[in-house]
Protein backbone atom coordinates (compact mmCIF):
# COMPACT_ATOMS: atom_id res chain seq x y z
CA ALA A 1 13.61 -27.46 1.76
CA TRP A 2 14.97 -23.97 2.42
CA LEU A 3 13.09 -21.18 4.15
CA LEU A 4 14.84 -17.95 3.24
CA GLY A 5 13.80 -15.16 5.56
CA GLU A 6 11.69 -15.05 8.68
CA LEU A 7 8.18 -16.06 9.78
CA TYR A 8 5.81 -14.18 12.10
CA GLY A 9 2.69 -15.17 13.98
CA ALA A 10 1.56 -18.56 15.24
CA ALA A 11 2.86 -20.67 12.32
CA ARG A 12 6.59 -20.04 12.49
CA GLY A 13 8.37 -23.30 13.36
CA PRO A 14 9.88 -26.11 11.28
CA ALA A 15 6.82 -28.29 11.91
CA ASP A 16 4.59 -25.63 10.35
CA VAL A 17 6.78 -25.42 7.25
CA LEU A 18 6.84 -29.20 6.93
CA ALA A 19 3.04 -29.24 7.19
CA VAL A 20 2.89 -26.89 4.19
CA LEU A 21 5.31 -29.07 2.21
CA HIS A 22 3.22 -32.19 2.92
CA GLY A 23 -0.09 -30.48 2.14
CA ARG A 24 -1.45 -30.52 5.70
CA ARG A 25 -1.38 -26.74 6.01
CA ALA A 26 -2.18 -24.05 3.43
CA PRO A 27 0.89 -22.13 2.18
CA ASP A 28 -0.96 -18.92 2.99
CA SER A 29 -0.89 -19.80 6.69
CA LEU A 30 2.79 -18.76 6.72
CA SER A 31 3.29 -15.05 7.33
CA GLY A 32 6.49 -13.04 7.23
CA HIS A 33 9.26 -11.81 4.95
CA PHE A 34 10.30 -15.06 3.27
CA LEU A 35 10.63 -17.30 0.25
CA LEU A 36 10.15 -21.08 0.57
CA LEU A 37 12.02 -23.38 -1.82
CA ALA A 38 11.89 -27.19 -1.90
CA HIS A 39 13.13 -30.09 -4.00
CA ASP A 40 10.94 -33.19 -4.28
CA ALA A 41 13.52 -35.92 -4.91
CA ARG A 42 10.89 -38.59 -5.61
CA ALA A 43 9.20 -36.62 -8.41
CA ASP A 44 12.39 -34.73 -9.31
CA GLU A 45 10.57 -31.42 -9.10
CA TRP A 46 11.45 -28.02 -7.66
CA HIS A 47 8.90 -25.86 -5.86
CA ALA A 48 8.85 -22.21 -4.83
CA TRP A 49 6.29 -20.37 -2.68
CA THR A 50 6.11 -16.59 -2.35
CA ASN A 51 4.31 -14.68 0.39
CA ARG A 52 1.34 -12.37 -0.28
CA GLY A 53 3.52 -9.39 -1.13
CA ALA A 54 6.37 -11.27 -2.85
CA THR A 55 8.62 -9.30 -0.51
CA PHE A 56 11.57 -11.69 -0.86
CA HIS A 57 12.37 -11.31 -4.56
CA ALA A 58 13.16 -14.42 -6.57
CA TYR A 59 13.77 -14.81 -10.30
CA TYR A 60 13.28 -17.49 -12.92
CA ALA A 61 15.04 -17.55 -16.28
CA THR A 62 15.27 -19.78 -19.31
CA ASP A 63 16.81 -19.24 -22.72
CA GLY A 64 15.26 -22.43 -24.12
CA ARG A 65 18.27 -24.59 -23.31
CA ARG A 66 19.10 -23.76 -19.71
CA ALA A 67 17.03 -22.68 -16.72
CA ALA A 68 17.80 -21.02 -13.40
CA LEU A 69 15.93 -20.08 -10.23
CA GLY A 70 17.38 -17.87 -7.52
CA THR A 71 17.30 -14.71 -5.46
CA CYS A 72 20.16 -12.84 -7.19
CA PHE A 73 19.06 -11.33 -10.49
CA ARG A 74 22.50 -11.22 -12.11
CA ALA A 75 23.37 -14.78 -11.12
CA VAL A 76 20.08 -16.08 -12.57
CA ALA A 77 20.55 -14.02 -15.74
CA ASP A 78 24.17 -15.14 -16.17
CA ALA A 79 23.13 -18.78 -15.86
CA ALA A 80 20.17 -18.94 -18.22
CA ALA A 81 19.32 -15.71 -20.02
CA ARG A 82 20.23 -14.04 -23.27
CA PRO A 83 21.25 -10.35 -23.13
CA ASP A 84 18.06 -9.21 -24.89
CA LEU A 85 16.46 -6.21 -23.18
CA ASP A 86 12.72 -6.34 -22.46
CA TRP A 87 11.42 -3.04 -23.82
CA GLU A 88 7.97 -3.43 -22.35
CA ALA A 89 9.58 -3.75 -18.93
CA LEU A 90 11.91 -0.83 -19.57
CA THR A 91 9.01 1.34 -20.77
CA SER A 92 7.09 0.70 -17.57
CA PHE A 93 10.26 1.29 -15.53
CA CYS A 94 10.80 4.67 -17.17
CA ALA A 95 7.12 5.65 -16.82
CA PHE A 96 6.31 4.22 -13.37
CA GLY A 97 9.67 3.63 -11.71
CA PHE A 98 9.15 -0.18 -11.70
CA CYS A 99 8.92 -3.04 -14.19
CA ALA A 100 5.26 -3.99 -14.56
CA ALA A 101 3.73 -7.47 -14.46
CA ASP A 102 6.39 -10.12 -13.72
CA ARG A 103 8.85 -8.64 -16.20
CA THR A 104 12.44 -7.60 -15.63
CA PHE A 105 14.97 -5.71 -17.73
CA LEU A 106 15.81 -8.93 -19.58
CA ALA A 107 13.26 -10.73 -21.76
CA ASP A 108 14.27 -14.19 -20.50
CA VAL A 109 14.06 -13.39 -16.75
CA ARG A 110 10.81 -13.14 -14.77
CA LEU A 111 10.11 -12.26 -11.16
CA LEU A 112 8.05 -14.72 -9.12
CA ARG A 113 4.63 -13.20 -8.44
CA PRO A 114 2.98 -12.60 -5.06
CA ALA A 115 1.06 -15.36 -3.26
CA SER A 116 2.07 -18.03 -5.76
CA HIS A 117 3.30 -21.62 -5.87
CA TYR A 118 5.63 -22.44 -8.79
CA ARG A 119 6.54 -25.94 -9.97
CA PHE A 120 9.59 -26.79 -12.09
CA ASP A 121 10.84 -30.11 -13.42
CA GLY A 122 14.27 -31.49 -12.61
CA ARG A 123 15.83 -29.53 -15.45
CA GLY A 124 14.25 -26.27 -14.29
CA ARG A 125 11.48 -26.06 -16.87
CA LEU A 126 8.36 -24.35 -15.57
CA LEU A 127 5.50 -26.83 -15.12
CA GLY A 128 2.95 -24.40 -13.73
CA ALA A 129 2.08 -21.70 -11.23
CA GLU A 130 -1.02 -21.14 -9.12
CA ARG A 131 -2.24 -18.60 -6.60
CA THR A 132 -2.10 -19.69 -2.96
CA TRP A 133 -4.30 -16.80 -1.80
CA GLN A 134 -6.82 -14.53 -3.52
CA TRP A 135 -7.87 -10.98 -2.82
CA GLN A 136 -11.27 -10.33 -1.27
CA HIS A 137 -13.05 -7.27 0.09
CA ALA A 138 -16.01 -7.79 2.39
CA PRO A 139 -16.47 -4.78 4.72
CA GLU A 140 -18.10 -5.64 8.05
CA ALA A 141 -21.30 -3.62 7.83
CA GLY A 142 -22.21 -4.23 11.47
CA ARG A 143 -18.93 -2.95 12.90
CA SER A 144 -18.92 0.75 13.78
CA TYR A 145 -16.08 3.11 12.92
CA ALA A 146 -15.06 3.32 16.59
CA ALA A 147 -15.04 -0.48 16.87
CA THR A 148 -12.94 -0.67 13.70
CA ILE A 149 -10.28 1.57 15.28
CA ASP A 150 -10.21 -0.73 18.31
CA ALA A 151 -10.02 -3.82 16.10
CA PHE A 152 -7.10 -2.33 14.16
CA ALA A 153 -5.31 -1.41 17.40
CA GLU A 154 -5.66 -4.95 18.73
CA ARG A 155 -4.55 -6.60 15.49
CA PHE A 156 -1.66 -4.19 14.91
CA GLN A 157 -0.43 -4.57 18.49
CA ALA A 158 -0.30 -8.36 18.08
CA VAL A 159 1.74 -8.02 14.90
CA MET A 160 4.11 -5.47 16.42
CA ASP A 161 4.59 -7.64 19.53
CA ASP A 162 5.80 -10.42 17.22
CA VAL A 163 8.24 -8.32 15.19
CA LEU A 164 9.67 -6.66 18.30
CA ALA A 165 9.95 -9.83 20.38
CA GLU A 166 13.54 -10.85 19.65
CA GLY A 167 16.98 -9.38 19.05
CA ARG A 168 18.27 -5.86 18.69
CA VAL A 169 15.71 -3.96 16.63
CA ALA A 170 16.09 -0.67 14.77
CA LEU A 171 13.08 1.61 14.42
CA PRO A 172 13.39 4.14 11.59
CA ILE A 173 11.25 7.22 12.38
CA SER A 174 10.20 10.02 10.06
CA GLY A 175 7.80 12.91 10.36
CA GLY A 176 5.01 10.80 8.87
CA LEU A 177 2.33 8.54 10.30
CA ASP A 178 3.44 4.98 9.48
CA SER A 179 6.66 4.90 11.49
CA ARG A 180 4.86 6.81 14.25
CA SER A 181 2.27 4.02 14.34
CA THR A 182 5.00 1.42 14.84
CA VAL A 183 6.38 3.46 17.76
CA ALA A 184 2.87 3.71 19.22
CA ALA A 185 2.84 -0.10 19.51
CA VAL A 186 6.15 -0.27 21.42
CA ARG A 187 5.49 -1.49 24.95
CA GLY A 188 7.23 0.23 27.83
CA GLU A 189 9.21 -2.85 28.82
CA ASP A 190 10.58 -3.22 25.29
CA ALA A 191 11.71 0.42 25.23
CA ALA A 192 13.37 0.02 28.63
CA ASP A 193 15.46 -3.09 28.00
CA GLY A 194 17.87 -1.39 25.58
CA ARG A 195 17.21 -3.70 22.62
CA LEU A 196 15.40 -1.01 20.61
CA TRP A 197 17.19 1.79 18.81
CA ALA A 198 15.44 4.53 16.87
CA TYR A 199 16.98 6.70 14.20
CA SER A 200 16.06 9.16 11.48
CA TYR A 201 17.82 10.95 8.66
CA GLY A 202 17.30 14.34 7.07
CA TYR A 203 18.88 16.41 4.34
CA SER A 204 20.24 19.15 6.61
CA ALA A 205 21.32 19.60 10.22
CA ASP A 206 18.06 21.45 10.95
CA SER A 207 15.86 18.96 9.10
CA VAL A 208 12.19 19.07 10.10
CA GLU A 209 12.05 15.29 9.61
CA THR A 210 14.73 14.51 12.18
CA ARG A 211 13.38 17.17 14.53
CA LEU A 212 9.93 15.57 14.57
CA ALA A 213 11.40 12.05 14.74
CA ARG A 214 13.41 13.03 17.81
CA ARG A 215 10.21 14.21 19.51
CA VAL A 216 8.47 10.91 18.69
CA ALA A 217 11.40 8.88 20.08
CA ARG A 218 11.68 11.05 23.18
CA ALA A 219 7.97 10.59 23.96
CA ARG A 220 8.58 6.82 24.26
CA ARG A 221 12.06 7.09 25.79
CA LEU A 222 13.77 5.35 22.89
CA ASN A 223 17.50 5.60 22.26
CA PHE A 224 17.73 7.82 19.19
CA ASP A 225 20.28 9.03 16.64
CA ALA A 226 19.79 11.56 13.85
CA PHE A 227 21.81 11.36 10.64
CA THR A 228 22.31 14.10 8.07
CA ILE A 229 22.49 12.65 4.58
CA ARG A 230 25.64 13.77 2.77
CA PRO A 231 26.74 13.04 -0.79
CA TYR A 232 27.44 9.29 -0.65
CA LEU A 233 25.87 7.80 -3.77
CA PHE A 234 28.72 7.67 -6.25
CA ALA A 235 31.17 6.29 -3.70
CA ARG A 236 28.70 3.54 -2.78
CA LEU A 237 27.06 2.93 -6.11
CA PRO A 238 28.29 -0.71 -6.46
CA ARG A 239 26.77 -1.67 -3.11
CA VAL A 240 23.53 0.20 -3.79
CA LEU A 241 23.15 -1.38 -7.24
CA ALA A 242 23.97 -4.87 -5.97
CA SER A 243 21.33 -4.47 -3.25
CA ILE A 244 18.39 -3.03 -5.18
CA GLU A 245 19.47 -4.74 -8.44
CA GLY A 246 18.41 -1.71 -10.48
CA PHE A 247 14.69 -2.24 -9.85
CA GLN A 248 14.36 1.13 -8.14
CA GLU A 249 16.08 4.40 -8.99
CA VAL A 250 19.29 4.53 -7.02
CA THR A 251 18.52 7.70 -5.03
CA GLN A 252 15.45 6.12 -3.42
CA ALA A 253 17.34 3.73 -1.10
CA ARG A 254 18.52 6.54 1.13
CA GLN A 255 19.11 4.10 4.02
CA ALA A 256 22.40 3.39 2.22
CA SER A 257 23.68 6.59 3.84
CA ALA A 258 23.42 5.05 7.33
CA ILE A 259 23.85 1.39 6.51
CA GLU A 260 27.00 0.91 8.63
CA ALA A 261 25.32 2.27 11.75
CA ILE A 262 22.24 0.13 11.14
CA GLY A 263 24.44 -2.96 10.86
CA VAL A 264 26.34 -2.18 14.06
CA ARG A 265 23.33 -1.23 16.18
CA SER A 266 20.75 -3.82 15.15
CA ASP A 267 19.98 -7.34 13.99
CA SER A 268 16.59 -6.44 12.52
CA VAL A 269 14.98 -3.26 11.28
CA ILE A 270 11.27 -2.44 11.27
CA ALA A 271 10.21 -1.32 7.78
CA ALA A 272 6.76 0.27 7.84
CA HIS A 273 6.32 -0.07 4.08
CA ILE A 274 2.76 0.04 2.61
CA GLY A 275 1.23 1.39 5.81
CA ASP A 276 0.16 4.44 3.82
CA VAL A 277 -1.45 2.18 1.19
CA TRP A 278 -3.58 0.26 3.68
CA LEU A 279 -4.40 3.32 5.78
CA GLY A 280 -5.16 5.68 2.93
CA ASP A 281 -7.32 5.78 -0.19
CA MET A 282 -6.46 5.74 -3.88
CA GLY A 283 -8.56 8.78 -4.75
CA THR A 284 -11.15 6.83 -6.73
CA SER A 285 -14.57 8.49 -6.54
CA ALA A 286 -17.05 6.54 -4.42
CA GLY A 287 -20.50 5.59 -5.66
CA ALA A 288 -19.73 6.09 -9.35
CA ALA A 289 -19.60 3.30 -11.91
CA HIS A 290 -16.07 2.50 -13.04
CA SER A 291 -15.23 0.50 -16.13
CA PRO A 292 -11.97 -1.48 -16.35
CA ASP A 293 -10.57 1.27 -18.56
CA ASP A 294 -11.45 3.86 -15.91
CA LEU A 295 -9.59 1.86 -13.28
CA VAL A 296 -6.57 1.38 -15.52
CA ALA A 297 -6.52 5.13 -16.17
CA GLN A 298 -6.74 5.82 -12.43
CA ALA A 299 -3.90 3.38 -11.69
CA ALA A 300 -1.76 4.81 -14.50
CA HIS A 301 -2.31 8.29 -13.07
CA LYS A 302 -1.23 7.10 -9.62
CA PHE A 303 1.81 5.27 -10.98
CA HIS A 304 3.08 7.78 -13.56
CA LYS A 305 6.24 9.64 -12.55
CA GLY A 306 6.75 13.28 -13.30
CA GLY A 307 9.84 13.57 -15.47
CA SER A 308 9.16 10.35 -17.38
CA ALA A 309 8.25 12.08 -20.67
CA TRP A 310 11.90 12.56 -21.70
CA LEU A 311 12.70 8.94 -20.92
CA LEU A 312 9.75 7.61 -22.91
CA GLN A 313 10.66 9.83 -25.86
CA HIS A 314 14.41 9.25 -26.00
CA VAL A 315 14.95 5.82 -24.41
CA CYS A 316 11.83 3.81 -25.15
CA ARG A 317 10.00 5.13 -28.20
CA PRO A 318 12.83 4.39 -30.69
CA ARG A 319 12.69 0.71 -29.62
CA LEU A 320 8.92 0.22 -29.79
CA GLY A 321 8.31 0.48 -33.53
CA ARG A 322 4.80 1.75 -34.20
CA THR A 323 3.58 1.06 -30.69
CA GLU A 324 2.90 4.14 -28.59
CA PRO A 325 4.35 3.89 -25.07
CA GLU A 326 1.05 4.98 -23.49
CA ASN A 327 -0.84 2.24 -25.33
CA MET A 328 1.69 -0.36 -24.21
CA LEU A 329 1.46 0.81 -20.60
CA HIS A 330 -2.35 0.71 -20.72
CA ASP A 331 -2.30 -2.86 -22.02
CA LEU A 332 0.20 -3.96 -19.35
CA LEU A 333 -1.93 -2.54 -16.52
CA ALA A 334 -5.16 -3.84 -18.08
CA ALA A 335 -3.73 -7.36 -18.13
CA GLU A 336 -2.70 -7.06 -14.47
CA LEU A 337 -6.10 -5.69 -13.48
CA ALA A 338 -7.77 -8.65 -15.18
CA ARG A 339 -5.88 -10.99 -12.84
CA LEU A 340 -7.74 -9.52 -9.84
CA PRO A 341 -11.28 -10.29 -8.71
CA ALA A 342 -13.97 -7.71 -9.51
CA PHE A 343 -14.77 -5.73 -6.35
CA GLU A 344 -17.74 -3.48 -5.80
CA ASP A 345 -15.39 -0.94 -4.25
CA ALA A 346 -13.37 0.57 -7.11
CA ASP A 347 -10.91 2.23 -4.74
CA PHE A 348 -10.02 -1.11 -3.15
CA THR A 349 -9.51 -2.56 -6.65
CA VAL A 350 -6.90 0.09 -7.44
CA LYS A 351 -5.34 -0.49 -4.00
CA ALA A 352 -5.04 -4.23 -4.65
CA LEU A 353 -3.47 -3.51 -8.05
CA LYS A 354 -1.00 -1.13 -6.44
CA ILE A 355 0.05 -3.72 -3.83
CA GLU A 356 0.41 -6.43 -6.49
CA GLN A 357 2.42 -4.17 -8.80
CA TRP A 358 3.93 -0.99 -7.37
CA CYS A 359 4.55 -2.42 -3.92
CA ALA A 360 5.77 -5.85 -5.07
CA ARG A 361 8.06 -4.39 -7.72
CA TRP A 362 9.15 -0.93 -6.47
CA THR A 363 8.58 -0.71 -2.71
CA THR A 364 10.20 -4.02 -1.80
CA ALA A 365 13.32 -3.39 -3.91
CA SER A 366 14.65 -1.10 -1.19
CA LEU A 367 14.27 -3.88 1.41
CA ARG A 368 17.44 -5.41 0.02
CA MET A 369 19.34 -2.25 0.92
CA PHE A 370 18.29 -2.77 4.54
CA GLN A 371 18.98 -6.47 4.19
CA SER A 372 22.67 -5.81 3.45
CA ALA A 373 22.99 -4.68 7.09
CA ALA A 374 20.02 -5.92 9.18
CA PHE A 375 17.10 -8.14 8.27
CA PRO A 376 13.88 -6.18 7.65
CA ARG A 377 10.69 -7.04 9.53
CA LEU A 378 7.51 -5.93 7.76
CA PRO A 379 4.49 -5.43 10.05
CA PHE A 380 2.18 -4.07 7.36
CA TYR A 381 2.80 -7.12 5.14
CA ASP A 382 1.61 -9.50 7.87
CA THR A 383 -1.27 -11.68 6.69
CA ARG A 384 -3.27 -10.64 9.77
CA LEU A 385 -3.33 -7.08 8.43
CA PHE A 386 -4.10 -8.18 4.87
CA ASP A 387 -7.11 -10.02 6.31
CA PHE A 388 -8.12 -7.12 8.54
CA PHE A 389 -8.11 -4.47 5.82
CA SER A 390 -10.21 -6.69 3.58
CA THR A 391 -13.00 -6.01 6.12
CA VAL A 392 -12.61 -2.22 6.30
CA PRO A 393 -14.74 0.16 4.18
CA THR A 394 -12.71 2.63 2.15
CA ARG A 395 -14.52 5.59 3.74
CA TYR A 396 -12.94 4.63 7.08
CA VAL A 397 -9.39 5.06 5.78
CA SER A 398 -10.00 7.92 3.37
CA GLY A 399 -7.70 10.84 4.07
CA ARG A 400 -5.74 8.72 6.62
CA ARG A 401 -8.77 9.10 8.95
CA LEU A 402 -8.54 5.75 10.75
CA GLN A 403 -4.79 6.03 11.34
CA ILE A 404 -5.08 9.55 12.71
CA ASP A 405 -7.87 8.53 15.07
CA TYR A 406 -5.92 5.43 16.14
CA LEU A 407 -3.00 7.64 17.16
CA ARG A 408 -5.29 10.12 18.89
CA ARG A 409 -6.93 7.39 20.92
CA TYR A 410 -4.05 5.00 21.62
CA ALA A 411 -1.00 7.31 21.50
CA PRO A 412 -2.08 10.88 22.32
CA ASP A 413 1.51 11.78 23.21
CA LEU A 414 2.59 10.92 19.66
CA ALA A 415 -0.50 12.50 18.12
CA ARG A 416 0.54 15.84 19.66
CA VAL A 417 3.79 15.79 17.65
CA PRO A 418 3.10 17.65 14.38
CA TRP A 419 2.60 15.62 11.24
CA GLN A 420 5.27 16.65 8.73
CA GLU A 421 2.77 16.78 5.88
CA THR A 422 0.66 19.44 7.57
CA GLY A 423 2.98 20.88 10.20
CA ARG A 424 0.17 20.52 12.73
CA SER A 425 -0.75 18.26 15.63
CA LEU A 426 -3.12 15.42 14.82
CA PHE A 427 -5.53 16.99 17.29
CA ALA A 428 -5.72 20.17 15.21
CA GLY A 429 -8.87 20.58 13.20
CA GLU A 430 -8.97 20.84 9.45
CA GLY A 431 -10.00 24.49 9.47
CA PHE A 432 -7.91 27.65 9.15
CA ASP A 433 -5.10 28.07 11.70
CA ALA A 434 -3.67 31.61 11.69
CA ARG A 435 -0.73 30.73 13.94
CA HIS A 436 0.31 27.78 11.78
CA LEU A 437 0.03 29.90 8.64
CA GLY A 438 2.11 32.62 10.29
CA ARG A 439 4.90 30.18 11.15
CA ARG A 440 4.98 28.88 7.60
CA VAL A 441 5.16 32.43 6.21
CA VAL A 442 8.08 33.25 8.52
CA ARG A 443 9.99 30.10 7.51
CA LYS A 444 9.38 30.83 3.85
CA ALA A 445 10.53 34.44 4.23
CA ARG A 446 13.72 33.34 5.95
CA ALA A 447 14.48 30.88 3.16
CA VAL A 448 13.86 33.55 0.49
CA LEU A 449 16.03 36.15 2.27
CA SER A 450 18.86 33.68 2.78
CA ARG A 451 18.52 32.50 -0.84
CA LYS A 452 18.94 29.00 0.51
CA ARG A 453 16.67 26.37 -0.96
CA VAL A 454 15.41 23.76 1.49
CA LEU A 455 16.57 20.32 0.37
CA GLU A 456 13.64 17.89 0.34
CA ARG A 457 14.83 15.02 -1.86
CA ASN A 458 17.84 12.75 -1.90
CA TRP A 459 18.67 13.46 -5.53
CA GLU A 460 19.21 17.11 -4.61
CA VAL A 461 21.87 16.13 -2.08
CA GLN A 462 23.54 13.59 -4.34
CA PHE A 463 23.52 15.50 -7.66
CA LEU A 464 23.74 19.24 -7.01
CA GLY A 465 27.21 19.50 -5.48
CA GLN A 466 30.54 19.32 -7.24
CA ALA A 467 30.92 15.58 -6.58
CA GLY A 468 27.40 14.96 -7.89
CA ARG A 469 28.02 16.84 -11.13
CA ALA A 470 31.26 14.93 -11.65
CA GLY A 471 29.50 11.62 -10.96
CA LEU A 472 26.71 12.34 -13.42
CA HIS A 473 29.17 13.30 -16.16
CA GLU A 474 31.14 10.12 -15.47
CA TRP A 475 28.12 7.81 -15.61
CA LEU A 476 26.05 9.54 -18.28
CA LEU A 477 28.56 11.13 -20.67
CA ARG A 478 31.84 9.21 -20.53
CA PRO A 479 32.52 7.72 -23.98
CA GLY A 480 32.04 3.99 -24.15
CA ARG A 481 29.24 3.76 -21.59
CA ARG A 482 26.80 0.96 -22.42
CA LEU A 483 24.02 3.47 -21.85
CA HIS A 484 24.91 5.04 -25.20
CA GLU A 485 23.88 1.81 -26.93
CA VAL A 486 20.26 2.47 -25.93
CA VAL A 487 20.06 6.29 -25.95
CA ASP A 488 21.72 8.94 -28.13
CA PRO A 489 24.66 10.52 -26.25
CA ALA A 490 23.80 13.90 -27.77
CA ALA A 491 20.34 13.77 -26.20
CA VAL A 492 21.88 12.83 -22.85
CA ARG A 493 24.30 15.78 -23.12
CA GLU A 494 21.41 18.16 -23.77
CA LEU A 495 19.45 16.74 -20.84
CA LEU A 496 22.37 17.12 -18.46
CA ALA A 497 22.99 20.70 -19.61
CA ALA A 498 19.32 21.53 -18.98
CA PHE A 499 19.50 19.84 -15.58
CA GLU A 500 22.52 21.93 -14.60
CA ARG A 501 20.69 25.13 -15.63
CA ASP A 502 17.50 24.29 -13.71
CA PRO A 503 17.42 20.93 -11.88
CA TRP A 504 13.81 21.35 -10.71
CA ALA A 505 12.18 22.15 -14.05
CA GLU A 506 10.15 19.40 -15.76
CA LYS A 507 10.86 17.03 -12.83
CA ARG A 508 14.36 16.47 -14.21
CA GLY A 509 15.53 14.98 -10.92
CA TYR A 510 13.57 11.81 -11.68
CA THR A 511 14.69 11.81 -15.32
CA VAL A 512 18.38 12.03 -14.47
CA SER A 513 18.18 9.61 -11.54
CA THR A 514 16.44 6.97 -13.68
CA LEU A 515 18.96 7.45 -16.49
CA LEU A 516 21.79 7.02 -13.98
CA THR A 517 20.13 3.83 -12.69
CA LEU A 518 19.93 2.40 -16.22
CA SER A 519 23.56 3.31 -16.93
CA ALA A 520 24.80 1.71 -13.71
CA TRP A 521 22.59 -1.35 -14.24
CA LEU A 522 23.92 -1.96 -17.76
CA ASP A 523 27.49 -1.86 -16.48
CA TYR A 524 26.58 -3.92 -13.41
CA MET A 525 25.16 -6.68 -15.62
CA ALA A 526 28.31 -6.63 -17.70
CA GLY A 527 30.46 -6.89 -14.56
CA ASP A 528 32.08 -3.49 -15.12
CA LEU A 529 30.63 -1.92 -11.98
CA ASP A 530 32.53 -4.41 -9.82
CA ARG A 531 35.81 -2.93 -11.00
């Protein structure tokens, strides 16, 4: 047996893993960022277990003659897949930014699903798959809101104590609430022993994100470094593509800009992914009846990317025959929704679907970028927090309410640092604040007078300079690119010309970034990117 990754909590030793293999312990008792593989020599069978979030990606492929199972997409595809593109997967990738269901860019290759046990025969043929854990939502009616905050604080502290217990640990900090919550759970003795290192990155030297992150780190006396993201993407595109494997647009893994420093300063890195999912709501109206079609529509609205219309029209529609992309996307999400239990709380249903799909397919792709330097530890994927949030009513987390009140109560020093989304302290009320409005007006006036646009997205840094324009022309327009086998070069030329005239119109940043990702992925799969 091979345990790839790391376990948290009480069940974390070899004896616990062996108990799972011999059926004495439920697979779901293992928590962490891991994949468990085993070969049963007596039965000549292979087994694979994923965790609840399928955070450690693994792939299975068969072309009818050969089969392969592994954690590197290209290796699995090279061993046992035909080069046929999966246009349902590509349509969802263009529309949502991720491949829906268990699909990948190739029709013969599938991703192993969350919370599942797969069985294969000795030749690699799939014998079956079953869930090892099922979603539930049973809010504790007798627990008050105040008691729920305390229960979260206790549970979250236990998880954070585990992920901070060993080694040199990096703590990425932003101006948001999730990373701030991880800092809130840092104990004084951990901050003092020098093992912890905090960092942040922004898009300019005067970035509001790094300014707020520095204040958070200073409040807890953490060693801290701020990085300004410069144009790096085209010089590092092979490493970025090999890490995220194309399953996320290449500008999203911005940690690639600081990956050397992360590798030198730390053994592990705390990734606060999906904290905002657990500690927020999906915007589904409470108390109203919701049909499955309503929920699919709500999920599609949450998932749809601005700027996807061009991609659906020029990349996908010509390959779908008479099928409309929107109908295909609806059917894909409807099939995934049908795999979940029916909950009374419609908002939690959409949340579960998002964790099973968006988070398992898009969010966790960037973990591999971290993993190329330091192993990620994922507090919000811990089974203890999955179990806790299954007991929390949606109204308690709506509008980030519970998380804000947790920080107010348990980390008032951090709550006083403004939240980047609002520019205000977490102790500020929701009403009108003349001073805050005045500061925003002054900042806006300065930006207008200086004619300097504030950079807020990585694609702006990577694409809008001279090196970025040259890189886009190289990857999107150079004759002979494999991209031109799936999209008309003339249409790409028109898109790039429109992007150069007005990059922000029609959400073209997403359109161009996704097209670049597809171009690089096609060459990566052919081995050309390596050269």
